[in-house]
Amino acid sequence: MFDSLSDKLKRVIRDLRGQGKVTEVHIEAAMREIRLALLEADVNYKVVK
């Protein structure tokens, strides 16, 4: 479970770092991916929100 969460978070950060210029759209997409990863790791919805 933690390996999967860690891998997903690393991927999100790697994708952000790969952008030439980080915009609000990139941040929103990254936050969405992080929320989904946390929910898949069974983190409480209220905590994720």
N, C-alpha and C. Protein backbone atom coordinates (compact mmCIF):
# COMPACT_ATOMS: atom_id res chain seq x y z
N MET A 1 0.83 -1.19 0.00
CA MET A 1 0.00 0.00 0.00
C MET A 1 0.87 1.25 0.00
N PHE A 2 1.87 1.31 0.88
CA PHE A 2 2.71 2.50 0.95
C PHE A 2 3.61 2.62 -0.27
N ASP A 3 4.03 1.48 -0.81
CA ASP A 3 4.85 1.52 -2.02
C ASP A 3 4.08 2.11 -3.19
N SER A 4 2.84 1.70 -3.32
CA SER A 4 2.00 2.22 -4.39
C SER A 4 1.77 3.72 -4.24
N LEU A 5 1.46 4.14 -3.03
CA LEU A 5 1.24 5.56 -2.77
C LEU A 5 2.51 6.35 -3.04
N SER A 6 3.62 5.84 -2.57
CA SER A 6 4.90 6.51 -2.78
C SER A 6 5.22 6.63 -4.27
N ASP A 7 4.99 5.57 -5.02
CA ASP A 7 5.25 5.60 -6.46
C ASP A 7 4.38 6.63 -7.16
N LYS A 8 3.13 6.70 -6.78
CA LYS A 8 2.22 7.66 -7.41
C LYS A 8 2.60 9.10 -7.08
N LEU A 9 2.99 9.34 -5.84
CA LEU A 9 3.40 10.69 -5.45
C LEU A 9 4.69 11.08 -6.17
N LYS A 10 5.62 10.15 -6.30
CA LYS A 10 6.86 10.42 -7.03
C LYS A 10 6.57 10.76 -8.48
N ARG A 11 5.62 10.03 -9.08
CA ARG A 11 5.26 10.28 -10.48
C ARG A 11 4.68 11.67 -10.65
N VAL A 12 3.81 12.08 -9.73
CA VAL A 12 3.21 13.41 -9.80
C VAL A 12 4.28 14.49 -9.71
N ILE A 13 5.20 14.32 -8.77
CA ILE A 13 6.27 15.31 -8.60
C ILE A 13 7.19 15.33 -9.82
N ARG A 14 7.51 14.16 -10.35
CA ARG A 14 8.35 14.08 -11.54
C ARG A 14 7.68 14.79 -12.72
N ASP A 15 6.37 14.59 -12.87
CA ASP A 15 5.65 15.24 -13.96
C ASP A 15 5.66 16.76 -13.79
N LEU A 16 5.51 17.22 -12.56
CA LEU A 16 5.56 18.67 -12.31
C LEU A 16 6.94 19.23 -12.62
N ARG A 17 7.96 18.53 -12.21
CA ARG A 17 9.32 19.00 -12.45
C ARG A 17 9.66 19.01 -13.93
N GLY A 18 8.99 18.18 -14.71
CA GLY A 18 9.25 18.10 -16.14
C GLY A 18 8.65 19.24 -16.94
N GLN A 19 7.81 20.03 -16.31
CA GLN A 19 7.18 21.15 -17.00
C GLN A 19 8.16 22.30 -17.13
N GLY A 20 8.15 22.96 -18.28
CA GLY A 20 9.00 24.13 -18.45
C GLY A 20 8.56 25.26 -17.55
N LYS A 21 7.26 25.45 -17.49
CA LYS A 21 6.68 26.48 -16.64
C LYS A 21 5.47 25.87 -15.95
N VAL A 22 5.46 25.92 -14.64
CA VAL A 22 4.36 25.33 -13.88
C VAL A 22 3.26 26.37 -13.75
N THR A 23 2.08 26.01 -14.24
CA THR A 23 0.94 26.92 -14.20
C THR A 23 -0.09 26.40 -13.20
N GLU A 24 -1.10 27.19 -13.00
CA GLU A 24 -2.18 26.80 -12.09
C GLU A 24 -2.86 25.52 -12.58
N VAL A 25 -2.96 25.36 -13.88
CA VAL A 25 -3.56 24.15 -14.44
C VAL A 25 -2.73 22.92 -14.06
N HIS A 26 -1.41 23.05 -14.13
CA HIS A 26 -0.54 21.93 -13.74
C HIS A 26 -0.70 21.59 -12.26
N ILE A 27 -0.79 22.62 -11.43
CA ILE A 27 -0.95 22.40 -9.98
C ILE A 27 -2.28 21.72 -9.70
N GLU A 28 -3.35 22.17 -10.35
CA GLU A 28 -4.67 21.56 -10.14
C GLU A 28 -4.66 20.09 -10.56
N ALA A 29 -4.03 19.79 -11.68
CA ALA A 29 -3.95 18.40 -12.14
C ALA A 29 -3.14 17.55 -11.15
N ALA A 30 -2.05 18.10 -10.65
CA ALA A 30 -1.23 17.38 -9.68
C ALA A 30 -2.01 17.13 -8.40
N MET A 31 -2.72 18.13 -7.93
CA MET A 31 -3.51 17.98 -6.71
C MET A 31 -4.60 16.92 -6.89
N ARG A 32 -5.20 16.87 -8.06
CA ARG A 32 -6.21 15.85 -8.34
C ARG A 32 -5.59 14.46 -8.27
N GLU A 33 -4.43 14.29 -8.88
CA GLU A 33 -3.74 13.00 -8.85
C GLU A 33 -3.35 12.60 -7.43
N ILE A 34 -2.92 13.57 -6.64
CA ILE A 34 -2.54 13.29 -5.25
C ILE A 34 -3.77 12.86 -4.46
N ARG A 35 -4.88 13.56 -4.64
CA ARG A 35 -6.11 13.18 -3.94
C ARG A 35 -6.54 11.76 -4.30
N LEU A 36 -6.50 11.44 -5.59
CA LEU A 36 -6.88 10.09 -6.02
C LEU A 36 -5.95 9.03 -5.42
N ALA A 37 -4.67 9.33 -5.40
CA ALA A 37 -3.71 8.38 -4.82
C ALA A 37 -3.99 8.16 -3.34
N LEU A 38 -4.30 9.23 -2.63
CA LEU A 38 -4.60 9.11 -1.20
C LEU A 38 -5.89 8.31 -0.98
N LEU A 39 -6.90 8.55 -1.80
CA LEU A 39 -8.14 7.79 -1.67
C LEU A 39 -7.92 6.31 -1.96
N GLU A 40 -7.10 6.02 -2.97
CA GLU A 40 -6.79 4.62 -3.28
C GLU A 40 -6.02 3.95 -2.15
N ALA A 41 -5.31 4.75 -1.36
CA ALA A 41 -4.56 4.22 -0.22
C ALA A 41 -5.43 4.17 1.04
N ASP A 42 -6.73 4.35 0.87
CA ASP A 42 -7.71 4.27 1.96
C ASP A 42 -7.56 5.36 3.01
N VAL A 43 -7.10 6.52 2.60
CA VAL A 43 -7.08 7.67 3.50
C VAL A 43 -8.51 8.20 3.57
N ASN A 44 -8.94 8.61 4.73
CA ASN A 44 -10.30 9.10 4.93
C ASN A 44 -10.61 10.26 3.99
N TYR A 45 -11.81 10.24 3.41
CA TYR A 45 -12.23 11.27 2.45
C TYR A 45 -12.14 12.67 3.04
N LYS A 46 -12.53 12.83 4.29
CA LYS A 46 -12.50 14.16 4.92
C LYS A 46 -11.07 14.68 5.03
N VAL A 47 -10.13 13.79 5.23
CA VAL A 47 -8.72 14.19 5.30
C VAL A 47 -8.22 14.59 3.92
N VAL A 48 -8.62 13.85 2.91
CA VAL A 48 -8.18 14.12 1.54
C VAL A 48 -8.76 15.43 1.03
N LYS A 49 -9.99 15.67 1.38
CA LYS A 49 -10.68 16.87 0.89
C LYS A 49 -10.02 18.10 1.46
